[in-house]
C-alpha atoms as a PDB file:
ATOM      1  CA  MET A   1      12.260  11.843  24.052  1.00  0.00           C
ATOM      2  CA  ALA A   2      11.017  13.872  20.372  1.00  0.00           C
ATOM      3  CA  ASN A   3       9.427  10.685  19.140  1.00  0.00           C
ATOM      4  CA  VAL A   4       7.673  10.273  22.163  1.00  0.00           C
ATOM      5  CA  LEU A   5       6.464  13.883  22.289  1.00  0.00           C
ATOM      6  CA  CYS A   6       5.860  13.866  18.764  1.00  0.00           C
ATOM      7  CA  ARG A   7       2.816  10.410  19.688  1.00  0.00           C
ATOM      8  CA  LEU A   8       1.538  12.058  22.383  1.00  0.00           C
ATOM      9  CA  PHE A   9       1.116  15.127  19.600  1.00  0.00           C
ATOM     10  CA  LEU A  10      -0.542  13.260  16.993  1.00  0.00           C
ATOM     11  CA  ARG A  11      -3.256  11.823  19.895  1.00  0.00           C
ATOM     12  CA  LEU A  12      -4.251  14.698  21.602  1.00  0.00           C
ATOM     13  CA  ALA A  13      -4.159  15.820  17.833  1.00  0.00           C
ATOM     14  CA  ALA A  14      -6.415  12.868  17.000  1.00  0.00           C
ATOM     15  CA  ILE A  15      -9.265  13.591  20.083  1.00  0.00           C
ATOM     16  CA  THR A  16      -9.954  16.777  18.926  1.00  0.00           C
ATOM     17  CA  ALA A  17      -9.128  17.260  15.646  1.00  0.00           C
ATOM     18  CA  GLY A  18     -12.580  18.412  12.471  1.00  0.00           C
ATOM     19  CA  LYS A  19     -12.570  16.344   9.836  1.00  0.00           C
ATOM     20  CA  GLU A  20     -10.304  18.294   7.628  1.00  0.00           C
ATOM     21  CA  GLU A  21      -7.571  17.532  10.511  1.00  0.00           C
ATOM     22  CA  LYS A  22      -9.021  13.816  10.837  1.00  0.00           C
ATOM     23  CA  ALA A  23      -8.151  13.649   6.914  1.00  0.00           C
ATOM     24  CA  MET A  24      -4.473  14.901   7.300  1.00  0.00           C
ATOM     25  CA  LEU A  25      -3.990  12.800  10.470  1.00  0.00           C
ATOM     26  CA  ILE A  26      -4.910   9.808   8.718  1.00  0.00           C
ATOM     27  CA  ARG A  27      -3.377  10.793   6.001  1.00  0.00           C
ATOM     28  CA  LEU A  28      -0.163  10.994   8.025  1.00  0.00           C
ATOM     29  CA  TYR A  29      -0.816   7.933   9.994  1.00  0.00           C
ATOM     30  CA  ALA A  30      -0.959   6.049   6.454  1.00  0.00           C
ATOM     31  CA  GLY A  31       2.449   6.676   5.558  1.00  0.00           C
ATOM     32  CA  GLU A  32       4.015   6.167   8.495  1.00  0.00           C
ATOM     33  CA  ILE A  33       2.640   2.533   8.616  1.00  0.00           C
ATOM     34  CA  ILE A  34       4.288   2.628   4.632  1.00  0.00           C
ATOM     35  CA  ALA A  35       6.800   4.201   6.078  1.00  0.00           C
ATOM     36  CA  GLU A  36       7.327   0.817   8.583  1.00  0.00           C
ATOM     37  CA  LYS A  37       7.841   3.447  11.179  1.00  0.00           C
ATOM     38  CA  ILE A  38       4.344   1.917  13.579  1.00  0.00           C
ATOM     39  CA  THR A  39       1.873  -0.017  12.756  1.00  0.00           C
ATOM     40  CA  LEU A  40      -1.616  -0.652  12.768  1.00  0.00           C
ATOM     41  CA  ALA A  41      -2.130  -1.380  16.597  1.00  0.00           C
ATOM     42  CA  ASP A  42      -0.008   2.368  17.230  1.00  0.00           C
ATOM     43  CA  VAL A  43      -3.418   3.981  15.554  1.00  0.00           C
ATOM     44  CA  PRO A  44      -5.526   5.960  17.632  1.00  0.00           C
ATOM     45  CA  SER A  45      -8.982   3.960  17.471  1.00  0.00           C
ATOM     46  CA  LYS A  46     -10.949   6.858  16.699  1.00  0.00           C
ATOM     47  CA  LEU A  47      -8.714   6.413  13.238  1.00  0.00           C
ATOM     48  CA  LYS A  48      -7.685   3.483  12.824  1.00  0.00           C
ATOM     49  CA  ALA A  49     -10.789   2.569  10.146  1.00  0.00           C
ATOM     50  CA  GLY A  50     -10.193   5.092   8.544  1.00  0.00           C
ATOM     51  CA  VAL A  51      -6.247   5.245   8.194  1.00  0.00           C
ATOM     52  CA  LYS A  52      -7.090   0.900   7.144  1.00  0.00           C
ATOM     53  CA  GLN A  53      -9.722   2.143   4.362  1.00  0.00           C
ATOM     54  CA  TYR A  54      -7.233   4.547   3.441  1.00  0.00           C
ATOM     55  CA  LEU A  55      -4.485   2.064   3.092  1.00  0.00           C
ATOM     56  CA  LEU A  56      -6.740  -0.696   1.610  1.00  0.00           C
ATOM     57  CA  ASP A  57      -7.687   2.045  -1.057  1.00  0.00           C
ATOM     58  CA  PHE A  58      -3.737   2.500  -2.280  1.00  0.00           C
ATOM     59  CA  GLY A  59      -3.488  -0.957  -2.816  1.00  0.00           C
ATOM     60  CA  TYR A  60      -1.491  -1.469   0.884  1.00  0.00           C
ATOM     61  CA  PRO A  61      -1.659  -4.930   1.634  1.00  0.00           C
ATOM     62  CA  LEU A  62      -2.604  -4.966   5.415  1.00  0.00           C
ATOM     63  CA  ASP A  63      -1.592  -7.909   8.002  1.00  0.00           C
ATOM     64  CA  GLU A  64      -5.062  -8.646   9.800  1.00  0.00           C
ATOM     65  CA  GLU A  65      -4.322  -8.465  12.904  1.00  0.00           C
END
């Protein structure tokens, strides 16, 4: 249940986020991907490009979907 609430909060925050909040969410989602808790497909569409670029900038290999 907590995981569902956390995901809901992150999605709502991504929708309403300003510039700094968006950067924080990008780092958060990237960390979750690196920890293998989620995949790029789980990232909200408004953040997906930023998360993908962030991961590539740090040399994280991505499997193209």
